[in-house]
Protein backbone atom coordinates (compact mmCIF):
# COMPACT_ATOMS: atom_id res chain seq x y z
CA UNK A 1 6.24 -2.45 13.32
CA UNK A 2 6.68 -6.04 12.09
CA UNK A 3 6.82 -7.05 15.76
CA UNK A 4 4.27 -4.61 17.22
CA UNK A 5 1.40 -5.09 14.75
CA UNK A 6 1.24 -8.93 14.90
CA UNK A 7 1.43 -8.75 18.70
CA UNK A 8 -1.49 -6.31 18.91
CA UNK A 9 -3.60 -8.28 16.44
CA UNK A 10 -2.92 -11.52 18.30
CA UNK A 11 -4.31 -10.12 21.56
CA UNK A 12 -7.86 -10.60 20.31
CA UNK A 13 -7.43 -14.26 19.46
CA UNK A 14 -5.34 -15.50 22.38
CA UNK A 15 -8.19 -17.71 23.63
CA UNK A 16 -9.04 -19.22 20.25
CA UNK A 17 -8.50 -22.96 19.87
CA UNK A 18 -6.43 -24.28 16.97
CA UNK A 19 -6.89 -27.96 17.72
CA UNK A 20 -9.33 -28.48 14.83
CA UNK A 21 -7.07 -26.86 12.26
CA UNK A 22 -5.68 -29.21 9.64
CA UNK A 23 -1.90 -29.29 10.06
CA UNK A 24 -1.10 -31.80 7.34
CA UNK A 25 -0.01 -30.30 4.04
CA UNK A 26 -2.37 -31.68 1.41
CA UNK A 27 -1.08 -32.35 -2.11
CA UNK A 28 -2.03 -29.78 -4.72
CA UNK A 29 -4.91 -30.61 -7.02
CA UNK A 30 -4.54 -30.39 -10.80
CA UNK A 31 -6.38 -27.05 -10.86
CA UNK A 32 -4.15 -25.66 -8.12
CA UNK A 33 -0.99 -26.76 -9.92
CA UNK A 34 -2.24 -25.16 -13.12
CA UNK A 35 -2.96 -21.87 -11.37
CA UNK A 36 0.41 -22.04 -9.61
CA UNK A 37 2.15 -22.45 -12.97
CA UNK A 38 0.25 -19.49 -14.46
CA UNK A 39 1.19 -17.22 -11.54
CA UNK A 40 4.86 -18.25 -11.78
CA UNK A 41 4.81 -17.64 -15.53
CA UNK A 42 3.25 -14.19 -14.96
CA UNK A 43 6.00 -13.32 -12.48
CA UNK A 44 8.68 -14.40 -14.98
CA UNK A 45 7.07 -12.36 -17.76
CA UNK A 46 6.85 -9.25 -15.58
CA UNK A 47 10.49 -9.57 -14.45
CA UNK A 48 11.68 -10.16 -18.03
CA UNK A 49 9.61 -7.21 -19.21
CA UNK A 50 11.26 -4.98 -16.61
CA UNK A 51 14.77 -5.98 -17.70
CA UNK A 52 13.81 -5.58 -21.36
CA UNK A 53 12.66 -2.04 -20.64
CA UNK A 54 15.92 -1.16 -18.89
CA UNK A 55 18.32 -2.91 -21.29
CA UNK A 56 16.57 -2.76 -24.66
CA UNK A 57 14.29 0.22 -24.01
CA UNK A 58 11.44 -1.89 -25.40
CA UNK A 59 8.74 -3.45 -23.24
CA UNK A 60 5.12 -4.48 -23.22
CA UNK A 61 2.52 -2.49 -21.33
CA UNK A 62 2.31 -4.04 -17.84
CA UNK A 63 -1.38 -3.13 -17.50
CA UNK A 64 -2.20 -5.06 -20.66
CA UNK A 65 -0.10 -8.00 -19.45
CA UNK A 66 -1.99 -8.16 -16.17
CA UNK A 67 -5.33 -7.76 -17.93
CA UNK A 68 -4.41 -10.52 -20.36
CA UNK A 69 -3.48 -12.95 -17.61
CA UNK A 70 -6.69 -12.05 -15.78
CA UNK A 71 -8.77 -12.85 -18.86
CA UNK A 72 -6.77 -16.06 -19.24
CA UNK A 73 -8.52 -17.33 -16.12
CA UNK A 74 -11.78 -17.47 -18.13
CA UNK A 75 -10.36 -19.39 -21.10
CA UNK A 76 -11.73 -22.97 -21.17
CA UNK A 77 -9.21 -25.68 -20.22
CA UNK A 78 -6.75 -22.96 -19.13
CA UNK A 79 -8.38 -21.08 -16.29
CA UNK A 80 -10.89 -22.29 -13.74
CA UNK A 81 -13.33 -19.37 -13.84
CA UNK A 82 -16.63 -19.05 -15.68
CA UNK A 83 -18.76 -16.05 -16.50
CA UNK A 84 -20.93 -16.75 -13.46
CA UNK A 85 -17.88 -16.15 -11.24
CA UNK A 86 -17.90 -12.48 -12.27
CA UNK A 87 -20.93 -12.01 -10.05
CA UNK A 88 -18.74 -12.58 -7.00
CA UNK A 89 -16.08 -10.03 -7.99
CA UNK A 90 -16.03 -7.22 -5.37
CA UNK A 91 -16.70 -4.39 -7.82
CA UNK A 92 -17.01 -1.91 -4.95
CA UNK A 93 -13.30 -2.40 -4.23
CA UNK A 94 -12.46 -1.73 -7.88
CA UNK A 95 -14.47 1.49 -7.76
CA UNK A 96 -12.68 2.49 -4.56
CA UNK A 97 -9.29 2.12 -6.23
CA UNK A 98 -10.48 3.98 -9.28
CA UNK A 99 -11.67 6.82 -7.08
CA UNK A 100 -8.33 6.89 -5.28
CA UNK A 101 -6.29 7.25 -8.45
CA UNK A 102 -8.75 9.85 -9.76
CA UNK A 103 -8.30 11.91 -6.60
CA UNK A 104 -4.53 11.61 -6.90
CA UNK A 105 -4.63 12.77 -10.51
CA UNK A 106 -6.90 15.67 -9.60
CA UNK A 107 -4.42 16.77 -6.90
CA UNK A 108 -1.81 17.26 -9.59
CA UNK A 109 -3.96 18.56 -12.43
CA UNK A 110 -5.69 21.24 -10.37
CA UNK A 111 -2.51 22.43 -8.67
CA UNK A 112 -3.85 21.50 -5.23
CA UNK A 113 -0.60 19.67 -4.42
CA UNK A 114 1.41 22.86 -4.90
CA UNK A 115 -1.11 24.83 -2.86
CA UNK A 116 -0.86 22.34 0.00
CA UNK A 117 2.93 22.60 -0.03
CA UNK A 118 2.64 26.34 0.50
CA UNK A 119 0.30 25.93 3.47
CA UNK A 120 2.56 23.28 5.03
CA UNK A 121 5.71 25.37 4.75
CA UNK A 122 5.42 26.31 8.44
CA UNK A 123 6.73 22.88 9.45
CA UNK A 124 10.22 23.81 8.24
CA UNK A 125 10.63 25.99 11.36
CA UNK A 126 9.46 23.34 13.82
CA UNK A 127 11.73 21.13 15.99
CA UNK A 128 12.91 18.11 14.04
CA UNK A 129 10.94 15.50 16.01
CA UNK A 130 7.64 17.35 15.67
CA UNK A 131 8.36 17.90 12.01
CA UNK A 132 8.54 14.13 11.63
CA UNK A 133 5.27 13.72 13.52
CA UNK A 134 3.42 16.27 11.37
CA UNK A 135 4.73 14.78 8.13
CA UNK A 136 3.86 11.24 9.25
CA UNK A 137 0.38 12.37 10.31
CA UNK A 138 -0.26 14.11 7.02
CA UNK A 139 0.92 11.22 4.85
CA UNK A 140 -0.61 8.43 6.94
CA UNK A 141 -4.11 9.87 7.00
CA UNK A 142 -3.93 11.13 3.42
CA UNK A 143 -3.19 7.63 2.17
CA UNK A 144 -6.44 6.41 3.72
CA UNK A 145 -8.46 8.16 1.01
CA UNK A 146 -6.25 7.31 -1.96
CA UNK A 147 -3.84 4.59 -2.99
CA UNK A 148 -0.51 4.80 -1.16
CA UNK A 149 1.29 4.46 -4.48
CA UNK A 150 -0.61 7.39 -5.94
CA UNK A 151 -0.18 9.43 -2.76
CA UNK A 152 3.58 8.87 -2.70
CA UNK A 153 3.86 10.27 -6.21
CA UNK A 154 2.12 13.40 -4.92
CA UNK A 155 3.60 13.75 -1.43
CA UNK A 156 7.27 13.17 -2.22
CA UNK A 157 7.54 16.15 -4.63
CA UNK A 158 5.82 18.33 -2.01
CA UNK A 159 8.20 17.37 0.78
CA UNK A 160 11.16 17.48 -1.57
CA UNK A 161 10.55 21.22 -1.86
CA UNK A 162 10.64 21.42 1.94
CA UNK A 163 13.87 19.44 2.09
CA UNK A 164 15.63 22.19 0.13
CA UNK A 165 15.03 24.54 3.08
CA UNK A 166 16.66 22.12 5.53
CA UNK A 167 20.18 20.77 6.05
CA UNK A 168 20.84 17.81 3.76
CA UNK A 169 20.61 15.17 6.50
CA UNK A 170 17.33 16.52 7.89
CA UNK A 171 15.89 16.79 4.39
CA UNK A 172 16.77 13.16 3.69
CA UNK A 173 15.15 12.08 6.96
CA UNK A 174 12.03 14.04 6.09
CA UNK A 175 11.69 12.23 2.76
CA UNK A 176 12.30 8.87 4.45
CA UNK A 177 9.55 9.54 6.97
CA UNK A 178 7.11 10.59 4.24
CA UNK A 179 7.88 7.48 2.18
CA UNK A 180 7.57 4.97 5.03
CA UNK A 181 4.45 6.66 6.44
CA UNK A 182 2.67 5.99 3.14
CA UNK A 183 2.71 2.29 4.08
CA UNK A 184 0.85 2.88 7.36
CA UNK A 185 -2.56 2.54 5.76
CA UNK A 186 -4.53 0.40 8.15
CA UNK A 187 -7.99 1.99 8.15
CA UNK A 188 -9.71 1.71 4.76
CA UNK A 189 -9.64 -0.74 1.83
CA UNK A 190 -8.85 1.98 -0.70
CA UNK A 191 -5.43 2.62 0.85
CA UNK A 192 -3.53 -0.49 -0.24
CA UNK A 193 -4.24 -3.79 -2.06
CA UNK A 194 -3.84 -6.00 1.07
CA UNK A 195 -6.62 -4.02 2.76
CA UNK A 196 -8.80 -4.48 -0.31
CA UNK A 197 -8.14 -8.23 -0.34
CA UNK A 198 -9.22 -8.53 3.30
CA UNK A 199 -12.29 -6.38 2.72
CA UNK A 200 -13.30 -8.38 -0.37
CA UNK A 201 -13.66 -11.45 1.86
CA UNK A 202 -16.55 -9.63 3.56
CA UNK A 203 -15.52 -11.20 6.88
CA UNK A 204 -15.03 -7.84 8.60
CA UNK A 205 -16.78 -4.52 8.09
CA UNK A 206 -15.27 -1.17 7.16
CA UNK A 207 -16.18 0.07 10.64
CA UNK A 208 -14.13 -2.70 12.27
CA UNK A 209 -11.17 -2.05 9.98
CA UNK A 210 -11.33 1.71 10.56
CA UNK A 211 -11.60 1.35 14.35
CA UNK A 212 -8.58 -0.90 14.69
CA UNK A 213 -6.72 0.85 11.89
CA UNK A 214 -7.00 4.25 13.60
CA UNK A 215 -5.14 2.90 16.62
CA UNK A 216 -2.50 1.25 14.45
CA UNK A 217 -2.03 4.49 12.51
CA UNK A 218 -1.18 6.45 15.65
CA UNK A 219 1.16 3.68 16.84
CA UNK A 220 2.90 3.67 13.47
CA UNK A 221 3.30 7.45 13.46
CA UNK A 222 4.83 7.41 16.93
CA UNK A 223 7.20 4.51 16.19
CA UNK A 224 8.28 6.00 12.87
CA UNK A 225 8.97 9.43 14.37
CA UNK A 226 10.99 7.97 17.25
CA UNK A 227 13.03 5.71 14.97
CA UNK A 228 13.74 8.55 12.56
CA UNK A 229 14.75 10.94 15.34
CA UNK A 230 16.86 8.62 17.50
CA UNK A 231 18.20 6.00 15.06
CA UNK A 232 18.15 7.18 11.46
CA UNK A 233 19.56 10.58 12.40
CA UNK A 234 22.59 8.86 13.98
CA UNK A 235 23.10 6.57 10.99
CA UNK A 236 22.99 9.41 8.48
């Protein structure tokens, strides 16, 4: 997929000229260096916090850490943002993510996840390849309406129950397919942060993303199913 997707995306820009693009690497400004240092410091804090949680069983709340560093951008002489910059924040993307996690939580709280697992139990009797296709289809298009992280936390327990009905190798392959398919979220901004970042630029519309993303979804499903059936099954 790392080879296929860039190739397909490049087909639409093969006639574009790059002669006017600046190729020289410009030195960083003071503001850029300051932001670079803050991001590096945030990464170090998050990594240290992770090790502290594993080794010492004591850690800070990561959500509060991220929120704190975000607010740091508005502190005079530290960050480069002002209150007026909040007007340009893509709040619609924030609401989309909030809706995605709410849907994921509702799946669990209402018992809908367990109900879905019962209705999908028929796939355990299907040929292995088509089982991969159905699982990849279900996960790929489900992750378009909720965060792929939230969906994985729902889908993996569902398919884990299925894996108990299968031989160990086939069950492992099924879980691998479900996990990887959660990353094939190409259609909507709610699915994954990179999509939201692109959409927040307002350069392309949701219709454009969904049209191209639908094609990429089907390509991803096919590639994943073939790789799982012909390669992973031999390795395991």
